[in-house]
């Protein structure tokens, strides 16, 4: 099954691709690699989660926020890889494999469940891309993230064509 069909079967909708919030671009392609800049858990222009885990945000809420970061990354991938730009699920079909995720979690001192939070984005990639969605990953604790976000996710994919 194509990634676009899997995505639709999951009942998901691509969000509007988030714009850069500073001096960078949302994605950069070199050769057959597409690097997606770190994505925050924006939904309809608002952050889903702010502050550290677990004192301000539960592990489950942070995992959901990581999933939203993944959805935002997929929106950028689809937009970048769609014929003529402009988005559309067909851009996801040009992903040969998800290579790596970098997941950063705003964490209280002593918090060690960053991998469980990161699973929100990792599981989404596997659901959408199947075996090609299995990837290498770093799940890192941080004292603070941009705009006070609880989680940030960067994505590296191999593309075709």
C-alpha atoms as a PDB file:
ATOM      1  CA  UNK A   1       0.000   0.000   0.000  1.00  0.00           C
ATOM      2  CA  UNK A   2       1.310   3.450  -0.851  1.00  0.00           C
ATOM      3  CA  UNK A   3       2.062   5.854   2.014  1.00  0.00           C
ATOM      4  CA  UNK A   4      -0.647   8.234   0.783  1.00  0.00           C
ATOM      5  CA  UNK A   5      -3.217   5.421   1.020  1.00  0.00           C
ATOM      6  CA  UNK A   6      -1.990   4.360   4.472  1.00  0.00           C
ATOM      7  CA  UNK A   7      -2.198   7.981   5.638  1.00  0.00           C
ATOM      8  CA  UNK A   8      -5.774   8.289   4.376  1.00  0.00           C
ATOM      9  CA  UNK A   9      -6.732   4.892   5.851  1.00  0.00           C
ATOM     10  CA  UNK A  10      -5.536   6.116   9.254  1.00  0.00           C
ATOM     11  CA  UNK A  11      -8.133   8.879   8.993  1.00  0.00           C
ATOM     12  CA  UNK A  12      -5.471  11.565   9.239  1.00  0.00           C
ATOM     13  CA  UNK A  13      -5.451  14.974   7.585  1.00  0.00           C
ATOM     14  CA  UNK A  14      -2.318  16.805   6.541  1.00  0.00           C
ATOM     15  CA  UNK A  15      -1.992  20.058   8.445  1.00  0.00           C
ATOM     16  CA  UNK A  16      -0.959  23.218   6.640  1.00  0.00           C
ATOM     17  CA  UNK A  17       2.832  23.008   6.393  1.00  0.00           C
ATOM     18  CA  UNK A  18       4.247  25.152   9.210  1.00  0.00           C
ATOM     19  CA  UNK A  19       6.320  28.172   8.248  1.00  0.00           C
ATOM     20  CA  UNK A  20       9.785  28.744   9.660  1.00  0.00           C
ATOM     21  CA  UNK A  21       9.764  30.773  12.887  1.00  0.00           C
ATOM     22  CA  UNK A  22      13.343  32.070  12.489  1.00  0.00           C
ATOM     23  CA  UNK A  23      16.205  32.266   9.954  1.00  0.00           C
ATOM     24  CA  UNK A  24      15.986  28.813   8.329  1.00  0.00           C
ATOM     25  CA  UNK A  25      13.931  26.934   5.745  1.00  0.00           C
ATOM     26  CA  UNK A  26      11.435  24.167   6.597  1.00  0.00           C
ATOM     27  CA  UNK A  27      13.250  21.562   4.482  1.00  0.00           C
ATOM     28  CA  UNK A  28      16.454  21.222   2.504  1.00  0.00           C
ATOM     29  CA  UNK A  29      17.096  18.590  -0.148  1.00  0.00           C
ATOM     30  CA  UNK A  30      20.544  17.448  -1.153  1.00  0.00           C
ATOM     31  CA  UNK A  31      20.769  14.525  -3.561  1.00  0.00           C
ATOM     32  CA  UNK A  32      18.277  11.910  -2.481  1.00  0.00           C
ATOM     33  CA  UNK A  33      18.052  13.147   1.120  1.00  0.00           C
ATOM     34  CA  UNK A  34      15.457  15.569   2.450  1.00  0.00           C
ATOM     35  CA  UNK A  35      16.197  17.149   5.816  1.00  0.00           C
ATOM     36  CA  UNK A  36      13.149  18.550   7.611  1.00  0.00           C
ATOM     37  CA  UNK A  37      13.906  21.229  10.175  1.00  0.00           C
ATOM     38  CA  UNK A  38      12.821  20.685  13.760  1.00  0.00           C
ATOM     39  CA  UNK A  39       9.042  20.798  14.035  1.00  0.00           C
ATOM     40  CA  UNK A  40       7.141  21.971  17.079  1.00  0.00           C
ATOM     41  CA  UNK A  41       3.718  20.605  18.092  1.00  0.00           C
ATOM     42  CA  UNK A  42       1.683  23.309  16.359  1.00  0.00           C
ATOM     43  CA  UNK A  43      -1.955  22.560  15.618  1.00  0.00           C
ATOM     44  CA  UNK A  44      -3.986  25.344  13.980  1.00  0.00           C
ATOM     45  CA  UNK A  45      -1.288  27.834  14.911  1.00  0.00           C
ATOM     46  CA  UNK A  46      -1.167  26.956  18.609  1.00  0.00           C
ATOM     47  CA  UNK A  47       1.318  24.825  20.537  1.00  0.00           C
ATOM     48  CA  UNK A  48      -0.322  21.658  21.890  1.00  0.00           C
ATOM     49  CA  UNK A  49       2.095  21.365  24.789  1.00  0.00           C
ATOM     50  CA  UNK A  50       4.481  23.721  26.564  1.00  0.00           C
ATOM     51  CA  UNK A  51       6.813  23.197  29.473  1.00  0.00           C
ATOM     52  CA  UNK A  52       8.761  20.255  30.821  1.00  0.00           C
ATOM     53  CA  UNK A  53       7.790  16.618  31.208  1.00  0.00           C
ATOM     54  CA  UNK A  54       6.504  15.448  33.662  1.00  0.00           C
ATOM     55  CA  UNK A  55       5.894  18.511  35.899  1.00  0.00           C
ATOM     56  CA  UNK A  56       3.949  20.569  33.322  1.00  0.00           C
ATOM     57  CA  UNK A  57       3.035  17.935  30.703  1.00  0.00           C
ATOM     58  CA  UNK A  58       2.315  14.234  31.158  1.00  0.00           C
ATOM     59  CA  UNK A  59       4.246  11.597  29.240  1.00  0.00           C
ATOM     60  CA  UNK A  60       1.088  10.723  27.279  1.00  0.00           C
ATOM     61  CA  UNK A  61       0.422  14.369  26.357  1.00  0.00           C
ATOM     62  CA  UNK A  62       4.054  14.818  25.334  1.00  0.00           C
ATOM     63  CA  UNK A  63       3.825  11.661  23.190  1.00  0.00           C
ATOM     64  CA  UNK A  64       0.735  13.120  21.475  1.00  0.00           C
ATOM     65  CA  UNK A  65       2.654  16.360  20.929  1.00  0.00           C
ATOM     66  CA  UNK A  66       5.513  14.392  19.344  1.00  0.00           C
ATOM     67  CA  UNK A  67       2.977  12.783  17.010  1.00  0.00           C
ATOM     68  CA  UNK A  68       1.771  16.264  16.014  1.00  0.00           C
ATOM     69  CA  UNK A  69       5.375  17.260  15.320  1.00  0.00           C
ATOM     70  CA  UNK A  70       5.582  14.209  13.056  1.00  0.00           C
ATOM     71  CA  UNK A  71       2.382  15.214  11.253  1.00  0.00           C
ATOM     72  CA  UNK A  72       3.804  18.689  10.696  1.00  0.00           C
ATOM     73  CA  UNK A  73       6.977  17.140   9.275  1.00  0.00           C
ATOM     74  CA  UNK A  74       4.894  14.962   6.950  1.00  0.00           C
ATOM     75  CA  UNK A  75       3.047  18.074   5.745  1.00  0.00           C
ATOM     76  CA  UNK A  76       6.379  19.682   4.866  1.00  0.00           C
ATOM     77  CA  UNK A  77       7.576  16.497   3.149  1.00  0.00           C
ATOM     78  CA  UNK A  78       4.358  16.232   1.122  1.00  0.00           C
ATOM     79  CA  UNK A  79       4.509  19.918   0.184  1.00  0.00           C
ATOM     80  CA  UNK A  80       8.181  19.741  -0.816  1.00  0.00           C
ATOM     81  CA  UNK A  81       7.880  16.532  -2.834  1.00  0.00           C
ATOM     82  CA  UNK A  82       4.505  17.071  -4.524  1.00  0.00           C
ATOM     83  CA  UNK A  83       4.624  17.724  -8.243  1.00  0.00           C
ATOM     84  CA  UNK A  84       4.808  21.488  -8.630  1.00  0.00           C
ATOM     85  CA  UNK A  85       4.671  21.965  -4.851  1.00  0.00           C
ATOM     86  CA  UNK A  86       1.389  22.883  -3.247  1.00  0.00           C
ATOM     87  CA  UNK A  87       1.075  19.862  -0.990  1.00  0.00           C
ATOM     88  CA  UNK A  88      -0.993  16.762  -1.507  1.00  0.00           C
ATOM     89  CA  UNK A  89      -0.555  13.292  -0.145  1.00  0.00           C
ATOM     90  CA  UNK A  90       1.145  12.086  -3.339  1.00  0.00           C
ATOM     91  CA  UNK A  91       4.371  13.735  -2.147  1.00  0.00           C
ATOM     92  CA  UNK A  92       4.545  11.115   0.623  1.00  0.00           C
ATOM     93  CA  UNK A  93       4.740   8.406  -2.032  1.00  0.00           C
ATOM     94  CA  UNK A  94       8.176   9.726  -3.048  1.00  0.00           C
ATOM     95  CA  UNK A  95       9.669   8.784   0.337  1.00  0.00           C
ATOM     96  CA  UNK A  96      11.839   5.697  -0.106  1.00  0.00           C
ATOM     97  CA  UNK A  97      12.470   5.416   3.621  1.00  0.00           C
ATOM     98  CA  UNK A  98      12.557   7.366   6.843  1.00  0.00           C
ATOM     99  CA  UNK A  99      16.246   7.444   7.766  1.00  0.00           C
ATOM    100  CA  UNK A 100      16.380   9.191  11.144  1.00  0.00           C
ATOM    101  CA  UNK A 101      14.371  11.159  13.687  1.00  0.00           C
ATOM    102  CA  UNK A 102      15.863  13.519  16.217  1.00  0.00           C
ATOM    103  CA  UNK A 103      13.452  14.075  19.091  1.00  0.00           C
ATOM    104  CA  UNK A 104      14.099  16.696  21.736  1.00  0.00           C
ATOM    105  CA  UNK A 105      12.023  16.652  24.921  1.00  0.00           C
ATOM    106  CA  UNK A 106      11.882  19.503  27.418  1.00  0.00           C
ATOM    107  CA  UNK A 107      12.542  17.529  30.582  1.00  0.00           C
ATOM    108  CA  UNK A 108      12.606  18.002  34.312  1.00  0.00           C
ATOM    109  CA  UNK A 109      15.823  17.005  36.063  1.00  0.00           C
ATOM    110  CA  UNK A 110      15.900  13.245  36.493  1.00  0.00           C
ATOM    111  CA  UNK A 111      13.289  12.524  33.797  1.00  0.00           C
ATOM    112  CA  UNK A 112      14.439   9.536  31.709  1.00  0.00           C
ATOM    113  CA  UNK A 113      11.412   8.586  29.586  1.00  0.00           C
ATOM    114  CA  UNK A 114      12.360  10.573  26.470  1.00  0.00           C
ATOM    115  CA  UNK A 115      12.168   7.383  24.334  1.00  0.00           C
ATOM    116  CA  UNK A 116       8.508   6.887  25.308  1.00  0.00           C
ATOM    117  CA  UNK A 117       7.718  10.480  24.298  1.00  0.00           C
ATOM    118  CA  UNK A 118       9.622  10.066  21.020  1.00  0.00           C
ATOM    119  CA  UNK A 119       7.505   7.011  20.181  1.00  0.00           C
ATOM    120  CA  UNK A 120       4.668   9.394  19.289  1.00  0.00           C
ATOM    121  CA  UNK A 121       6.547  10.451  16.160  1.00  0.00           C
ATOM    122  CA  UNK A 122       8.272   7.106  15.542  1.00  0.00           C
ATOM    123  CA  UNK A 123       5.061   5.089  15.611  1.00  0.00           C
ATOM    124  CA  UNK A 124       3.428   7.549  13.191  1.00  0.00           C
ATOM    125  CA  UNK A 125       6.255   7.087  10.673  1.00  0.00           C
ATOM    126  CA  UNK A 126       5.905   3.318  10.812  1.00  0.00           C
ATOM    127  CA  UNK A 127       2.107   3.535  10.457  1.00  0.00           C
ATOM    128  CA  UNK A 128       2.397   5.744   7.369  1.00  0.00           C
ATOM    129  CA  UNK A 129       5.421   4.178   5.642  1.00  0.00           C
ATOM    130  CA  UNK A 130       5.292   0.589   6.899  1.00  0.00           C
ATOM    131  CA  UNK A 131       8.705  -1.106   7.088  1.00  0.00           C
ATOM    132  CA  UNK A 132      10.259   1.894   5.288  1.00  0.00           C
ATOM    133  CA  UNK A 133       9.157   4.004   8.255  1.00  0.00           C
ATOM    134  CA  UNK A 134      11.459   2.183  10.697  1.00  0.00           C
ATOM    135  CA  UNK A 135      14.371   4.497  11.375  1.00  0.00           C
ATOM    136  CA  UNK A 136      17.384   5.370  13.457  1.00  0.00           C
ATOM    137  CA  UNK A 137      16.603   7.841  16.252  1.00  0.00           C
ATOM    138  CA  UNK A 138      17.931  10.042  18.994  1.00  0.00           C
ATOM    139  CA  UNK A 139      15.649  10.954  21.917  1.00  0.00           C
ATOM    140  CA  UNK A 140      17.285  13.737  23.901  1.00  0.00           C
ATOM    141  CA  UNK A 141      16.299  15.600  27.052  1.00  0.00           C
ATOM    142  CA  UNK A 142      16.626  19.378  27.028  1.00  0.00           C
ATOM    143  CA  UNK A 143      16.152  22.075  29.638  1.00  0.00           C
ATOM    144  CA  UNK A 144      14.223  24.299  27.182  1.00  0.00           C
ATOM    145  CA  UNK A 145      13.004  24.282  23.578  1.00  0.00           C
ATOM    146  CA  UNK A 146      11.970  27.068  21.176  1.00  0.00           C
ATOM    147  CA  UNK A 147       8.811  28.996  22.134  1.00  0.00           C
ATOM    148  CA  UNK A 148       8.551  26.932  25.310  1.00  0.00           C
ATOM    149  CA  UNK A 149       7.487  23.816  23.388  1.00  0.00           C
ATOM    150  CA  UNK A 150       7.511  20.472  25.155  1.00  0.00           C
ATOM    151  CA  UNK A 151       8.894  18.570  22.176  1.00  0.00           C
ATOM    152  CA  UNK A 152      10.626  19.172  18.847  1.00  0.00           C
ATOM    153  CA  UNK A 153      11.144  16.603  16.075  1.00  0.00           C
ATOM    154  CA  UNK A 154      13.512  16.727  13.103  1.00  0.00           C
ATOM    155  CA  UNK A 155      13.241  14.207  10.259  1.00  0.00           C
ATOM    156  CA  UNK A 156      15.583  12.873   7.585  1.00  0.00           C
ATOM    157  CA  UNK A 157      14.096  10.910   4.685  1.00  0.00           C
ATOM    158  CA  UNK A 158      15.473   9.307   1.532  1.00  0.00           C
ATOM    159  CA  UNK A 159      13.459  10.281  -1.532  1.00  0.00           C
ATOM    160  CA  UNK A 160      13.017   8.986  -5.058  1.00  0.00           C
ATOM    161  CA  UNK A 161      13.138  11.018  -8.246  1.00  0.00           C
END
